[in-house]
Protein backbone atom coordinates (compact mmCIF):
# COMPACT_ATOMS: atom_id res chain seq x y z
CA MET A 1 0.03 0.08 -0.05
CA ALA A 2 1.43 3.51 -0.97
CA ASN A 3 2.09 6.09 1.60
CA TYR A 4 0.79 9.59 0.73
CA GLU A 5 1.94 13.00 2.19
CA VAL A 6 0.09 16.21 2.05
CA ILE A 7 2.56 18.78 0.73
CA ILE A 8 1.85 22.32 2.63
CA ASN A 9 5.48 24.04 2.23
CA PRO A 10 5.09 26.66 -0.64
CA VAL A 11 8.60 26.01 -1.69
CA GLU A 12 7.90 22.33 -2.01
CA ILE A 13 4.55 22.90 -3.83
CA LYS A 14 6.33 25.08 -6.24
CA LYS A 15 9.09 22.49 -7.00
CA TYR A 16 6.36 19.79 -7.63
CA GLN A 17 4.41 22.28 -10.01
CA GLU A 18 7.51 22.86 -11.86
CA ILE A 19 7.95 18.99 -12.11
CA PHE A 20 4.38 18.68 -13.14
CA GLU A 21 4.77 21.31 -15.93
CA GLN A 22 8.00 19.74 -17.32
CA ILE A 23 5.94 16.51 -17.73
CA LEU A 24 3.23 18.26 -19.55
CA GLN A 25 5.77 19.89 -22.08
CA LEU A 26 7.85 16.99 -22.95
CA GLU A 27 8.98 17.84 -26.46
CA ASP A 28 8.58 14.29 -27.79
CA THR A 29 4.86 14.05 -26.60
CA PHE A 30 3.68 17.64 -26.77
CA LYS A 31 3.71 20.43 -29.22
CA LYS A 32 3.62 24.19 -28.14
CA PHE A 33 0.86 26.56 -29.48
CA GLU A 34 1.29 29.99 -28.51
CA ASN A 35 -1.31 32.76 -27.56
CA ILE A 36 -4.50 30.47 -27.67
CA ARG A 37 -7.61 31.61 -26.07
CA VAL A 38 -8.83 29.33 -23.35
CA THR A 39 -12.38 29.88 -22.25
CA TYR A 40 -14.01 28.79 -18.89
CA ASN A 41 -17.09 29.35 -17.07
CA GLY A 42 -17.13 33.37 -16.62
CA GLY A 43 -14.07 34.33 -18.86
CA SER A 44 -11.14 33.49 -20.92
CA LYS A 45 -7.29 33.78 -20.72
CA GLN A 46 -4.59 34.08 -23.51
CA CYS A 47 -2.29 31.15 -23.03
CA ASP A 48 0.44 28.95 -24.43
CA VAL A 49 -0.73 25.53 -24.57
CA TYR A 50 0.81 22.20 -25.05
CA TRP A 51 -1.12 19.64 -27.18
CA SER A 52 -0.58 15.86 -27.47
CA ASP A 53 -1.49 14.48 -30.82
CA LYS A 54 -1.01 10.97 -29.48
CA TYR A 55 -3.39 11.51 -26.37
CA LYS A 56 -5.68 14.22 -28.10
CA PHE A 57 -5.54 16.62 -25.15
CA TRP A 58 -3.96 20.00 -24.45
CA SER A 59 -2.78 21.57 -21.24
CA THR A 60 -1.74 24.78 -19.80
CA SER A 61 -0.31 26.02 -16.68
CA HIS A 62 -0.08 29.39 -14.89
CA GLU A 63 0.12 31.00 -11.37
CA PHE A 64 -2.88 32.73 -10.06
CA THR A 65 -2.38 35.24 -7.47
CA GLY A 66 -5.89 36.37 -6.94
CA THR A 67 -8.27 39.42 -8.00
CA LYS A 68 -10.83 41.54 -6.24
CA THR A 69 -13.45 39.03 -6.63
CA ARG A 70 -11.60 35.92 -6.63
CA LYS A 71 -9.03 35.19 -3.66
CA GLY A 72 -6.38 33.02 -3.42
CA HIS A 73 -2.87 32.24 -4.55
CA ARG A 74 -2.46 28.81 -6.54
CA TYR A 75 -1.03 27.20 -9.47
CA CYS A 76 -3.78 26.59 -12.09
CA ASN A 77 -3.37 23.48 -14.59
CA TRP A 78 -6.02 23.55 -17.22
CA PHE A 79 -6.85 20.73 -19.62
CA GLY A 80 -9.09 19.97 -22.59
CA ILE A 81 -9.74 17.63 -25.41
CA THR A 82 -9.40 18.11 -29.13
CA GLU A 83 -9.09 15.63 -32.07
CA ASN A 84 -7.01 18.24 -34.12
CA GLU A 85 -4.17 20.79 -33.30
CA PRO A 86 -5.59 23.63 -31.15
CA SER A 87 -7.21 26.37 -32.94
CA LYS A 88 -7.50 29.99 -31.83
CA THR A 89 -9.91 29.23 -29.13
CA LEU A 90 -10.16 26.19 -26.71
CA GLU A 91 -12.62 25.21 -24.03
CA LEU A 92 -11.57 24.21 -20.45
CA VAL A 93 -12.82 20.89 -19.50
CA VAL A 94 -10.67 19.78 -16.32
CA GLU A 95 -8.54 21.80 -13.87
CA ILE A 96 -6.11 20.70 -11.32
CA ASN A 97 -5.27 23.48 -8.98
CA PHE A 98 -2.40 23.45 -6.30
CA SER A 99 -3.08 25.97 -3.78
CA LEU A 100 -0.36 27.98 -1.97
């Protein structure tokens, strides 16, 4: 049985976020597309996305430091699916956020 540990140290969270991003940006698996608009419930954001032809999904990561209406500091990792290379606009399907 595996042992799991909750990571709460911001320095460690950043380290594991960077490893997570490296995996999602491997050049032999993912192709980079720059300045793609990603839409989500309530808005959109221009992002660089990494798309896998083999697995038919895209991802993007960024750090969110909060706004007047949305509090919280976290790393946002967004994912979506598409059969073809990303176009100018993509729709967010899943997000995995690591809070600080």
